[in-house]
Amino acid sequence: MSQPPLRLYVDSLFTSPYAMSVFVALREKGLGFDTVTLDLDAGQNQSAGYAQRSLTQRVPTLEHGDFTLSESSAITEYLDQAYPPISLYPAGLQQRARARQVQAWLRSDLLPIRQERSTLVVFYGQQMPPLSPMAQAAAGKLISAAQALLAGNPEYLFGQWSIADVDLAVMLNRLILNGDAVPAELVAYAQRQWQRPSVREWVNLQRPVL
């Protein structure tokens, strides 16, 4: 029996790292889907029609037939179960849990980095002033954790690619692409993730002029 169609709602600037994560997941799964853009500055995500689709009124939202789901890590876990065998997460129980930990941490912590190094740096090449002391502390925490996760300089976090590699690379690139100090091995790691075809497709999307 064929699966119902997939539709992905994303921001119109294509700068949401969370929309990117789901877009990459869909491409890695080899799934066909339609992309619908929402102008967040105009509040299109708060319209009555979208609120019926998205419980949180945020992007991304995945529409799978009559089922809709928001929050990117929930969506990637759903896709991983709905569309085997290509996996977005490590196979081992503990590594899979660690990948989820990395995703949850990057979404819930490090707010000063996200405030002072928006993804306009990553996808539009904007340059921002030096980090505040609070953001410097957050950057130190990010770098320390990334070095621990990537001890021995592996190509990927868990031996083979997972969606958590995309999420970590985006956070590192907030600093790297602004010219902030990041250890060379982490720069090389982020650059490797950035060359993945599914990632390049998102990075190379035609974006409107700001």
N, C-alpha and C. Protein backbone atom coordinates (compact mmCIF):
# COMPACT_ATOMS: atom_id res chain seq x y z
N MET A 1 0.85 -1.19 0.00
CA MET A 1 0.00 0.00 0.00
C MET A 1 0.89 1.24 0.00
N SER A 2 0.58 2.21 -0.86
CA SER A 2 1.40 3.40 -0.97
C SER A 2 1.20 4.31 0.23
N GLN A 3 2.28 5.03 0.57
CA GLN A 3 2.22 5.96 1.68
C GLN A 3 1.53 7.25 1.24
N PRO A 4 0.83 7.95 2.14
CA PRO A 4 0.23 9.24 1.79
C PRO A 4 1.31 10.27 1.48
N PRO A 5 0.96 11.34 0.76
CA PRO A 5 1.96 12.34 0.36
C PRO A 5 2.52 13.10 1.56
N LEU A 6 3.72 13.63 1.36
CA LEU A 6 4.42 14.39 2.39
C LEU A 6 4.51 15.85 1.98
N ARG A 7 4.31 16.73 2.95
CA ARG A 7 4.45 18.17 2.71
C ARG A 7 5.21 18.76 3.89
N LEU A 8 6.22 19.58 3.59
CA LEU A 8 7.05 20.18 4.64
C LEU A 8 6.88 21.69 4.62
N TYR A 9 6.49 22.25 5.75
CA TYR A 9 6.35 23.70 5.91
C TYR A 9 7.63 24.25 6.53
N VAL A 10 8.21 25.25 5.85
CA VAL A 10 9.48 25.84 6.29
C VAL A 10 9.37 27.36 6.24
N ASP A 11 10.38 28.03 6.74
CA ASP A 11 10.39 29.50 6.70
C ASP A 11 10.78 29.98 5.30
N SER A 12 10.27 31.12 4.91
CA SER A 12 10.45 31.61 3.55
C SER A 12 11.89 32.04 3.25
N LEU A 13 12.69 32.28 4.28
CA LEU A 13 14.09 32.63 4.08
C LEU A 13 14.99 31.41 4.03
N PHE A 14 14.45 30.26 4.36
CA PHE A 14 15.23 29.02 4.42
C PHE A 14 16.43 29.17 5.37
N THR A 15 16.18 29.76 6.53
CA THR A 15 17.25 29.94 7.51
C THR A 15 17.02 29.16 8.80
N SER A 16 15.88 28.51 8.93
CA SER A 16 15.62 27.75 10.16
C SER A 16 16.51 26.50 10.18
N PRO A 17 17.36 26.36 11.20
CA PRO A 17 18.19 25.15 11.28
C PRO A 17 17.36 23.90 11.51
N TYR A 18 16.16 24.09 12.07
CA TYR A 18 15.30 22.96 12.37
C TYR A 18 14.56 22.50 11.11
N ALA A 19 14.15 23.47 10.29
CA ALA A 19 13.59 23.11 8.98
C ALA A 19 14.64 22.43 8.13
N MET A 20 15.87 22.93 8.21
CA MET A 20 16.97 22.30 7.47
C MET A 20 17.15 20.85 7.90
N SER A 21 17.08 20.59 9.19
CA SER A 21 17.29 19.24 9.71
C SER A 21 16.27 18.27 9.12
N VAL A 22 15.02 18.70 9.04
CA VAL A 22 13.98 17.82 8.49
C VAL A 22 14.12 17.70 6.98
N PHE A 23 14.43 18.80 6.31
CA PHE A 23 14.66 18.76 4.86
C PHE A 23 15.75 17.75 4.52
N VAL A 24 16.86 17.82 5.24
CA VAL A 24 17.96 16.88 5.02
C VAL A 24 17.51 15.46 5.30
N ALA A 25 16.75 15.27 6.38
CA ALA A 25 16.26 13.93 6.72
C ALA A 25 15.42 13.35 5.58
N LEU A 26 14.54 14.14 5.03
CA LEU A 26 13.70 13.68 3.92
C LEU A 26 14.54 13.32 2.70
N ARG A 27 15.54 14.13 2.41
CA ARG A 27 16.42 13.85 1.27
C ARG A 27 17.23 12.59 1.53
N GLU A 28 17.72 12.42 2.74
CA GLU A 28 18.51 11.23 3.06
C GLU A 28 17.66 9.96 2.94
N LYS A 29 16.39 10.08 3.25
CA LYS A 29 15.47 8.95 3.13
C LYS A 29 15.07 8.69 1.68
N GLY A 30 15.39 9.64 0.80
CA GLY A 30 15.01 9.49 -0.60
C GLY A 30 13.53 9.67 -0.84
N LEU A 31 12.89 10.49 -0.01
CA LEU A 31 11.45 10.66 -0.08
C LEU A 31 11.07 11.89 -0.92
N GLY A 32 10.02 11.75 -1.70
CA GLY A 32 9.48 12.90 -2.39
C GLY A 32 8.56 13.69 -1.47
N PHE A 33 8.63 15.01 -1.58
CA PHE A 33 7.78 15.85 -0.72
C PHE A 33 7.63 17.23 -1.35
N ASP A 34 6.55 17.90 -1.01
CA ASP A 34 6.34 19.29 -1.40
C ASP A 34 6.82 20.20 -0.29
N THR A 35 7.37 21.33 -0.66
CA THR A 35 7.81 22.32 0.31
C THR A 35 6.90 23.54 0.24
N VAL A 36 6.40 23.97 1.39
CA VAL A 36 5.56 25.16 1.50
C VAL A 36 6.27 26.16 2.40
N THR A 37 6.44 27.39 1.91
CA THR A 37 7.14 28.40 2.70
C THR A 37 6.16 29.32 3.42
N LEU A 38 6.55 29.74 4.61
CA LEU A 38 5.76 30.67 5.41
C LEU A 38 6.62 31.88 5.76
N ASP A 39 6.05 33.06 5.61
CA ASP A 39 6.73 34.30 5.99
C ASP A 39 6.52 34.50 7.49
N LEU A 40 7.54 34.17 8.27
CA LEU A 40 7.40 34.26 9.72
C LEU A 40 7.31 35.70 10.18
N ASP A 41 8.01 36.62 9.49
CA ASP A 41 7.95 38.03 9.87
C ASP A 41 6.54 38.59 9.68
N ALA A 42 5.81 38.05 8.73
CA ALA A 42 4.43 38.49 8.49
C ALA A 42 3.44 37.73 9.34
N GLY A 43 3.92 36.78 10.15
CA GLY A 43 3.06 36.04 11.05
C GLY A 43 2.22 34.97 10.39
N GLN A 44 2.65 34.50 9.21
CA GLN A 44 1.86 33.47 8.53
C GLN A 44 1.78 32.18 9.34
N ASN A 45 2.75 31.95 10.20
CA ASN A 45 2.71 30.76 11.05
C ASN A 45 1.66 30.86 12.16
N GLN A 46 1.11 32.06 12.34
CA GLN A 46 0.09 32.24 13.37
C GLN A 46 -1.32 32.31 12.79
N SER A 47 -1.44 32.08 11.50
CA SER A 47 -2.76 32.11 10.87
C SER A 47 -3.60 30.95 11.38
N ALA A 48 -4.91 31.11 11.28
CA ALA A 48 -5.81 30.06 11.78
C ALA A 48 -5.60 28.76 11.03
N GLY A 49 -5.38 28.84 9.72
CA GLY A 49 -5.19 27.64 8.93
C GLY A 49 -3.95 26.87 9.33
N TYR A 50 -2.85 27.60 9.56
CA TYR A 50 -1.62 26.92 9.94
C TYR A 50 -1.70 26.41 11.38
N ALA A 51 -2.36 27.15 12.24
CA ALA A 51 -2.50 26.71 13.63
C ALA A 51 -3.24 25.37 13.72
N GLN A 52 -4.10 25.09 12.74
CA GLN A 52 -4.78 23.79 12.72
C GLN A 52 -3.82 22.67 12.36
N ARG A 53 -2.75 23.01 11.63
CA ARG A 53 -1.77 22.00 11.23
C ARG A 53 -0.66 21.86 12.27
N SER A 54 -0.26 22.97 12.84
CA SER A 54 0.89 22.98 13.74
C SER A 54 0.45 23.32 15.16
N LEU A 55 0.55 22.36 16.04
CA LEU A 55 0.18 22.58 17.44
C LEU A 55 0.97 23.72 18.05
N THR A 56 2.24 23.84 17.67
CA THR A 56 3.12 24.86 18.24
C THR A 56 3.21 26.12 17.40
N GLN A 57 2.57 26.13 16.22
CA GLN A 57 2.58 27.29 15.30
C GLN A 57 4.01 27.69 14.93
N ARG A 58 4.83 26.66 14.71
CA ARG A 58 6.22 26.92 14.35
C ARG A 58 6.57 26.12 13.10
N VAL A 59 7.73 26.43 12.55
CA VAL A 59 8.29 25.60 11.49
C VAL A 59 9.51 24.89 12.06
N PRO A 60 9.76 23.69 11.53
CA PRO A 60 9.03 23.01 10.47
C PRO A 60 7.78 22.30 11.01
N THR A 61 6.88 22.05 10.08
CA THR A 61 5.77 21.11 10.32
C THR A 61 5.73 20.15 9.15
N LEU A 62 5.56 18.89 9.45
CA LEU A 62 5.43 17.86 8.42
C LEU A 62 3.97 17.44 8.34
N GLU A 63 3.45 17.42 7.12
CA GLU A 63 2.10 16.93 6.86
C GLU A 63 2.23 15.61 6.12
N HIS A 64 1.70 14.56 6.70
CA HIS A 64 1.79 13.21 6.13
C HIS A 64 0.36 12.68 6.00
N GLY A 65 -0.23 12.95 4.85
CA GLY A 65 -1.65 12.63 4.72
C GLY A 65 -2.46 13.47 5.68
N ASP A 66 -3.24 12.83 6.53
CA ASP A 66 -4.07 13.53 7.50
C ASP A 66 -3.33 13.82 8.81
N PHE A 67 -2.09 13.36 8.92
CA PHE A 67 -1.32 13.52 10.16
C PHE A 67 -0.35 14.68 10.01
N THR A 68 -0.29 15.55 11.00
CA THR A 68 0.68 16.65 11.00
C THR A 68 1.49 16.60 12.29
N LEU A 69 2.75 17.01 12.17
CA LEU A 69 3.67 16.93 13.31
C LEU A 69 4.64 18.09 13.24
N SER A 70 4.82 18.76 14.37
CA SER A 70 5.79 19.84 14.49
C SER A 70 6.92 19.43 15.42
N GLU A 71 7.95 20.27 15.48
CA GLU A 71 9.18 20.08 16.26
C GLU A 71 10.10 19.10 15.52
N SER A 72 11.23 19.62 15.11
CA SER A 72 12.08 18.92 14.14
C SER A 72 12.58 17.56 14.61
N SER A 73 13.03 17.44 15.84
CA SER A 73 13.55 16.14 16.28
C SER A 73 12.43 15.11 16.39
N ALA A 74 11.23 15.55 16.75
CA ALA A 74 10.09 14.63 16.75
C ALA A 74 9.80 14.16 15.32
N ILE A 75 9.93 15.08 14.36
CA ILE A 75 9.67 14.73 12.96
C ILE A 75 10.72 13.74 12.45
N THR A 76 12.00 13.98 12.75
CA THR A 76 13.02 13.07 12.23
C THR A 76 12.91 11.69 12.86
N GLU A 77 12.52 11.62 14.13
CA GLU A 77 12.30 10.31 14.74
C GLU A 77 11.11 9.61 14.09
N TYR A 78 10.06 10.37 13.81
CA TYR A 78 8.89 9.80 13.15
C TYR A 78 9.26 9.26 11.76
N LEU A 79 9.99 10.06 10.99
CA LEU A 79 10.40 9.62 9.65
C LEU A 79 11.27 8.37 9.72
N ASP A 80 12.11 8.31 10.75
CA ASP A 80 13.00 7.16 10.85
C ASP A 80 12.23 5.87 11.08
N GLN A 81 11.13 5.96 11.80
CA GLN A 81 10.31 4.77 12.05
C GLN A 81 9.34 4.50 10.90
N ALA A 82 8.87 5.56 10.27
CA ALA A 82 7.88 5.39 9.21
C ALA A 82 8.49 4.89 7.91
N TYR A 83 9.78 5.21 7.70
CA TYR A 83 10.41 4.89 6.42
C TYR A 83 11.76 4.20 6.64
N PRO A 84 11.77 2.96 7.08
CA PRO A 84 13.01 2.18 7.09
C PRO A 84 13.30 1.77 5.64
N PRO A 85 14.52 1.27 5.33
CA PRO A 85 15.58 0.91 6.27
C PRO A 85 16.67 1.97 6.42
N ILE A 86 16.70 2.99 5.53
CA ILE A 86 17.73 4.02 5.66
C ILE A 86 17.52 4.75 6.98
N SER A 87 18.56 4.79 7.81
CA SER A 87 18.40 5.29 9.17
C SER A 87 19.00 6.68 9.34
N LEU A 88 18.30 7.50 10.09
CA LEU A 88 18.78 8.83 10.44
C LEU A 88 19.51 8.85 11.77
N TYR A 89 19.40 7.75 12.52
CA TYR A 89 19.97 7.66 13.86
C TYR A 89 20.85 6.42 13.97
N PRO A 90 21.78 6.43 14.92
CA PRO A 90 22.59 5.22 15.13
C PRO A 90 21.72 4.02 15.49
N ALA A 91 22.22 2.84 15.18
CA ALA A 91 21.45 1.62 15.44
C ALA A 91 21.47 1.22 16.91
N GLY A 92 22.61 1.42 17.57
CA GLY A 92 22.75 1.00 18.96
C GLY A 92 21.89 1.81 19.91
N LEU A 93 21.36 1.16 20.93
CA LEU A 93 20.47 1.81 21.89
C LEU A 93 21.11 3.04 22.53
N GLN A 94 22.34 2.88 23.04
CA GLN A 94 22.99 3.97 23.76
C GLN A 94 23.42 5.09 22.82
N GLN A 95 23.94 4.72 21.62
CA GLN A 95 24.34 5.77 20.68
C GLN A 95 23.12 6.53 20.17
N ARG A 96 22.03 5.82 19.95
CA ARG A 96 20.80 6.48 19.52
C ARG A 96 20.32 7.46 20.59
N ALA A 97 20.40 7.04 21.84
CA ALA A 97 20.03 7.93 22.94
C ALA A 97 20.95 9.14 22.99
N ARG A 98 22.24 8.93 22.74
CA ARG A 98 23.20 10.04 22.74
C ARG A 98 22.89 11.02 21.61
N ALA A 99 22.53 10.50 20.45
CA ALA A 99 22.17 11.38 19.34
C ALA A 99 20.97 12.24 19.69
N ARG A 100 19.98 11.64 20.35
CA ARG A 100 18.81 12.40 20.79
C ARG A 100 19.21 13.44 21.83
N GLN A 101 20.15 13.08 22.70
CA GLN A 101 20.63 14.03 23.70
C GLN A 101 21.26 15.24 23.01
N VAL A 102 22.10 14.97 22.01
CA VAL A 102 22.76 16.06 21.28
C VAL A 102 21.71 16.97 20.65
N GLN A 103 20.72 16.37 20.01
CA GLN A 103 19.67 17.17 19.38
C GLN A 103 18.92 18.02 20.41
N ALA A 104 18.52 17.40 21.51
CA ALA A 104 17.77 18.13 22.53
C ALA A 104 18.60 19.26 23.13
N TRP A 105 19.87 18.99 23.36
CA TRP A 105 20.76 20.01 23.95
C TRP A 105 20.93 21.20 23.02
N LEU A 106 21.17 20.95 21.74
CA LEU A 106 21.39 22.04 20.79
C LEU A 106 20.13 22.90 20.62
N ARG A 107 18.97 22.33 20.88
CA ARG A 107 17.72 23.07 20.75
C ARG A 107 17.31 23.81 22.01
N SER A 108 17.84 23.42 23.15
CA SER A 108 17.36 23.97 24.41
C SER A 108 18.39 24.80 25.17
N ASP A 109 19.66 24.73 24.75
CA ASP A 109 20.74 25.41 25.47
C ASP A 109 21.46 26.35 24.49
N LEU A 110 22.51 26.98 24.96
CA LEU A 110 23.39 27.81 24.12
C LEU A 110 22.66 29.01 23.52
N LEU A 111 21.67 29.53 24.25
CA LEU A 111 20.86 30.64 23.74
C LEU A 111 21.70 31.86 23.35
N PRO A 112 22.75 32.24 24.12
CA PRO A 112 23.52 33.40 23.71
C PRO A 112 24.15 33.25 22.32
N ILE A 113 24.55 32.04 21.95
CA ILE A 113 25.07 31.84 20.60
C ILE A 113 23.97 32.06 19.58
N ARG A 114 22.82 31.47 19.83
CA ARG A 114 21.72 31.60 18.88
C ARG A 114 21.26 33.05 18.76
N GLN A 115 21.38 33.82 19.84
CA GLN A 115 20.99 35.23 19.79
C GLN A 115 22.01 36.08 19.05
N GLU A 116 23.29 35.84 19.30
CA GLU A 116 24.33 36.70 18.74
C GLU A 116 24.92 36.19 17.43
N ARG A 117 24.60 34.95 17.08
CA ARG A 117 25.06 34.37 15.81
C ARG A 117 23.85 33.68 15.16
N SER A 118 22.92 34.50 14.69
CA SER A 118 21.73 33.94 14.06
C SER A 118 22.12 33.19 12.80
N THR A 119 21.21 32.42 12.26
CA THR A 119 21.53 31.67 11.05
C THR A 119 21.59 32.56 9.81
N LEU A 120 21.34 33.86 9.96
CA LEU A 120 21.66 34.78 8.87
C LEU A 120 23.17 34.79 8.62
N VAL A 121 23.95 34.53 9.65
CA VAL A 121 25.40 34.36 9.48
C VAL A 121 25.68 33.14 8.60
N VAL A 122 24.97 32.07 8.86
CA VAL A 122 25.22 30.79 8.19
C VAL A 122 24.75 30.81 6.74
N PHE A 123 23.56 31.34 6.50
CA PHE A 123 22.94 31.22 5.18
C PHE A 123 22.93 32.50 4.35
N TYR A 124 23.21 33.64 4.99
CA TYR A 124 23.27 34.90 4.26
C TYR A 124 24.64 35.57 4.33
N GLY A 125 25.55 34.99 5.09
CA GLY A 125 26.89 35.55 5.19
C GLY A 125 26.99 36.82 5.99
N GLN A 126 25.99 37.12 6.81
CA GLN A 126 26.08 38.32 7.64
C GLN A 126 27.22 38.17 8.65
N GLN A 127 27.85 39.29 8.97
CA GLN A 127 28.91 39.31 9.95
C GLN A 127 28.46 40.07 11.18
N MET A 128 28.72 39.49 12.33
CA MET A 128 28.25 40.05 13.59
C MET A 128 29.42 40.50 14.44
N PRO A 129 29.18 41.42 15.39
CA PRO A 129 30.26 41.91 16.26
C PRO A 129 30.75 40.82 17.20
N PRO A 130 31.85 41.09 17.92
CA PRO A 130 32.41 40.08 18.82
C PRO A 130 31.38 39.58 19.84
N LEU A 131 31.57 38.35 20.25
CA LEU A 131 30.67 37.74 21.22
C LEU A 131 30.74 38.45 22.57
N SER A 132 29.60 38.54 23.23
CA SER A 132 29.55 39.05 24.59
C SER A 132 30.17 38.01 25.52
N PRO A 133 30.48 38.41 26.75
CA PRO A 133 31.02 37.42 27.70
C PRO A 133 30.10 36.21 27.88
N MET A 134 28.79 36.41 27.90
CA MET A 134 27.87 35.28 28.05
C MET A 134 27.94 34.36 26.83
N ALA A 135 28.01 34.95 25.66
CA ALA A 135 28.09 34.13 24.44
C ALA A 135 29.45 33.45 24.34
N GLN A 136 30.50 34.11 24.81
CA GLN A 136 31.82 33.46 24.84
C GLN A 136 31.78 32.22 25.73
N ALA A 137 31.11 32.34 26.86
CA ALA A 137 31.00 31.19 27.76
C ALA A 137 30.21 30.06 27.10
N ALA A 138 29.14 30.42 26.40
CA ALA A 138 28.35 29.41 25.70
C ALA A 138 29.17 28.76 24.58
N ALA A 139 29.97 29.57 23.88
CA ALA A 139 30.82 29.02 22.82
C ALA A 139 31.85 28.06 23.41
N GLY A 140 32.39 28.41 24.56
CA GLY A 140 33.33 27.50 25.21
C GLY A 140 32.69 26.19 25.59
N LYS A 141 31.44 26.26 26.06
CA LYS A 141 30.70 25.04 26.41
C LYS A 141 30.43 24.19 25.18
N LEU A 142 30.04 24.84 24.07
CA LEU A 142 29.80 24.12 22.82
C LEU A 142 31.07 23.43 22.33
N ILE A 143 32.17 24.15 22.33
CA ILE A 143 33.43 23.61 21.83
C ILE A 143 33.90 22.45 22.70
N SER A 144 33.79 22.62 24.02
CA SER A 144 34.22 21.56 24.93
C SER A 144 33.40 20.29 24.72
N ALA A 145 32.09 20.44 24.59
CA ALA A 145 31.23 19.26 24.39
C ALA A 145 31.50 18.62 23.03
N ALA A 146 31.67 19.44 21.99
CA ALA A 146 31.94 18.90 20.65
C ALA A 146 33.26 18.15 20.63
N GLN A 147 34.27 18.67 21.31
CA GLN A 147 35.56 17.97 21.36
C GLN A 147 35.44 16.64 22.10
N ALA A 148 34.63 16.60 23.15
CA ALA A 148 34.42 15.34 23.86
C ALA A 148 33.68 14.33 23.00
N LEU A 149 32.67 14.80 22.29
CA LEU A 149 31.90 13.91 21.42
C LEU A 149 32.72 13.40 20.25
N LEU A 150 33.66 14.22 19.80
CA LEU A 150 34.45 13.90 18.61
C LEU A 150 35.89 13.56 18.96
N ALA A 151 36.11 13.05 20.15
CA ALA A 151 37.47 12.66 20.57
C ALA A 151 38.04 11.64 19.58
N GLY A 152 39.28 11.87 19.17
CA GLY A 152 39.90 11.01 18.17
C GLY A 152 39.65 11.45 16.75
N ASN A 153 38.90 12.57 16.58
CA ASN A 153 38.65 13.17 15.27
C ASN A 153 37.97 12.22 14.29
N PRO A 154 36.85 11.60 14.67
CA PRO A 154 36.13 10.73 13.72
C PRO A 154 35.43 11.58 12.66
N GLU A 155 35.06 10.93 11.57
CA GLU A 155 34.34 11.64 10.50
C GLU A 155 32.96 12.06 10.95
N TYR A 156 32.31 11.19 11.75
CA TYR A 156 30.96 11.44 12.23
C TYR A 156 30.90 11.21 13.73
N LEU A 157 29.83 11.67 14.35
CA LEU A 157 29.68 11.54 15.80
C LEU A 157 29.63 10.08 16.25
N PHE A 158 28.95 9.24 15.47
CA PHE A 158 28.67 7.88 15.94
C PHE A 158 29.12 6.81 14.96
N GLY A 159 30.26 7.05 14.30
CA GLY A 159 30.82 6.05 13.40
C GLY A 159 30.30 6.14 11.98
N GLN A 160 29.03 6.46 11.83
CA GLN A 160 28.47 6.74 10.53
C GLN A 160 27.52 7.92 10.65
N TRP A 161 27.20 8.53 9.53
CA TRP A 161 26.41 9.75 9.55
C TRP A 161 25.09 9.56 10.27
N SER A 162 24.68 10.59 11.01
CA SER A 162 23.34 10.65 11.59
C SER A 162 22.86 12.09 11.50
N ILE A 163 21.57 12.28 11.72
CA ILE A 163 20.99 13.62 11.63
C ILE A 163 21.58 14.54 12.70
N ALA A 164 22.09 13.98 13.79
CA ALA A 164 22.72 14.81 14.82
C ALA A 164 23.98 15.49 14.30
N ASP A 165 24.65 14.90 13.30
CA ASP A 165 25.82 15.55 12.70
C ASP A 165 25.44 16.86 12.03
N VAL A 166 24.29 16.88 11.38
CA VAL A 166 23.82 18.11 10.73
C VAL A 166 23.56 19.18 11.78
N ASP A 167 22.87 18.80 12.84
CA ASP A 167 22.51 19.77 13.87
C ASP A 167 23.75 20.35 14.56
N LEU A 168 24.73 19.51 14.85
CA LEU A 168 25.95 20.00 15.48
C LEU A 168 26.74 20.89 14.52
N ALA A 169 26.81 20.51 13.25
CA ALA A 169 27.55 21.31 12.28
C ALA A 169 26.94 22.69 12.12
N VAL A 170 25.62 22.78 12.14
CA VAL A 170 24.98 24.10 12.03
C VAL A 170 25.38 24.98 13.20
N MET A 171 25.33 24.43 14.41
CA MET A 171 25.68 25.24 15.57
C MET A 171 27.14 25.68 15.53
N LEU A 172 28.03 24.78 15.14
CA LEU A 172 29.43 25.16 15.02
C LEU A 172 29.62 26.22 13.94
N ASN A 173 28.89 26.10 12.85
CA ASN A 173 29.05 27.05 11.74
C ASN A 173 28.53 28.43 12.07
N ARG A 174 27.69 28.56 13.06
CA ARG A 174 27.31 29.90 13.52
C ARG A 174 28.56 30.68 13.94
N LEU A 175 29.49 29.99 14.55
CA LEU A 175 30.75 30.61 14.97
C LEU A 175 31.76 30.63 13.83
N ILE A 176 31.95 29.48 13.20
CA ILE A 176 32.99 29.34 12.18
C ILE A 176 32.80 30.34 11.05
N LEU A 177 31.58 30.45 10.54
CA LEU A 177 31.32 31.29 9.37
C LEU A 177 31.28 32.78 9.71
N ASN A 178 31.32 33.09 10.99
CA ASN A 178 31.47 34.48 11.40
C ASN A 178 32.93 34.84 11.68
N GLY A 179 33.81 33.83 11.62
CA GLY A 179 35.22 34.06 11.88
C GLY A 179 35.61 33.97 13.33
N ASP A 180 34.72 33.43 14.18
CA ASP A 180 35.06 33.26 15.59
C ASP A 180 36.04 32.09 15.76
N ALA A 181 36.79 32.11 16.82
CA ALA A 181 37.81 31.10 17.06
C ALA A 181 37.17 29.76 17.39
N VAL A 182 37.45 28.77 16.56
CA VAL A 182 37.00 27.40 16.77
C VAL A 182 38.16 26.48 16.44
N PRO A 183 38.45 25.46 17.25
CA PRO A 183 39.58 24.57 16.98
C PRO A 183 39.52 23.96 15.58
N ALA A 184 40.70 23.78 15.00
CA ALA A 184 40.80 23.36 13.60
C ALA A 184 40.09 22.04 13.34
N GLU A 185 40.15 21.11 14.29
CA GLU A 185 39.52 19.80 14.05
C GLU A 185 38.00 19.92 14.00
N LEU A 186 37.43 20.88 14.75
CA LEU A 186 35.99 21.08 14.69
C LEU A 186 35.58 21.82 13.42
N VAL A 187 36.44 22.72 12.95
CA VAL A 187 36.20 23.37 11.66
C VAL A 187 36.17 22.32 10.55
N ALA A 188 37.14 21.41 10.58
CA ALA A 188 37.20 20.36 9.56
C ALA A 188 35.97 19.46 9.63
N TYR A 189 35.53 19.14 10.84
CA TYR A 189 34.33 18.32 11.01
C TYR A 189 33.11 19.02 10.40
N ALA A 190 32.92 20.29 10.74
CA ALA A 190 31.77 21.02 10.23
C ALA A 190 31.82 21.13 8.71
N GLN A 191 33.00 21.35 8.17
CA GLN A 191 33.14 21.44 6.71
C GLN A 191 32.79 20.12 6.04
N ARG A 192 33.16 19.00 6.65
CA ARG A 192 32.80 17.69 6.08
C ARG A 192 31.29 17.52 6.02
N GLN A 193 30.61 17.90 7.09
CA GLN A 193 29.15 17.75 7.10
C GLN A 193 28.51 18.66 6.05
N TRP A 194 29.12 19.80 5.84
CA TRP A 194 28.58 20.80 4.92
C TRP A 194 28.68 20.36 3.46
N GLN A 195 29.52 19.37 3.18
CA GLN A 195 29.68 18.90 1.81
C GLN A 195 28.72 17.76 1.46
N ARG A 196 27.95 17.30 2.41
CA ARG A 196 27.01 16.22 2.12
C ARG A 196 25.96 16.72 1.13
N PRO A 197 25.63 15.95 0.10
CA PRO A 197 24.71 16.44 -0.94
C PRO A 197 23.38 16.94 -0.40
N SER A 198 22.79 16.26 0.56
CA SER A 198 21.51 16.70 1.11
C SER A 198 21.65 18.05 1.82
N VAL A 199 22.78 18.26 2.47
CA VAL A 199 23.04 19.54 3.14
C VAL A 199 23.29 20.63 2.11
N ARG A 200 24.08 20.32 1.07
CA ARG A 200 24.37 21.30 0.03
C ARG A 200 23.08 21.77 -0.64
N GLU A 201 22.13 20.86 -0.80
CA GLU A 201 20.88 21.24 -1.46
C GLU A 201 20.16 22.32 -0.67
N TRP A 202 20.14 22.18 0.66
CA TRP A 202 19.52 23.22 1.49
C TRP A 202 20.34 24.50 1.45
N VAL A 203 21.65 24.39 1.62
CA VAL A 203 22.50 25.58 1.65
C VAL A 203 22.38 26.36 0.35
N ASN A 204 22.23 25.66 -0.77
CA ASN A 204 22.20 26.32 -2.09
C ASN A 204 20.81 26.75 -2.54
N LEU A 205 19.81 26.62 -1.71
CA LEU A 205 18.48 27.09 -2.08
C LEU A 205 18.50 28.58 -2.42
N GLN A 206 17.68 28.97 -3.39
CA GLN A 206 17.58 30.39 -3.76
C GLN A 206 16.82 31.14 -2.69
N ARG A 207 17.48 32.08 -2.03
CA ARG A 207 16.88 32.81 -0.93
C ARG A 207 16.52 34.22 -1.36
N PRO A 208 15.43 34.76 -0.85
CA PRO A 208 15.06 36.14 -1.19
C PRO A 208 16.07 37.13 -0.63
N VAL A 209 16.20 38.27 -1.29
CA VAL A 209 17.08 39.32 -0.81
C VAL A 209 16.47 39.93 0.45
N LEU A 210 17.30 40.15 1.45
CA LEU A 210 16.81 40.72 2.71
C LEU A 210 16.53 42.21 2.55
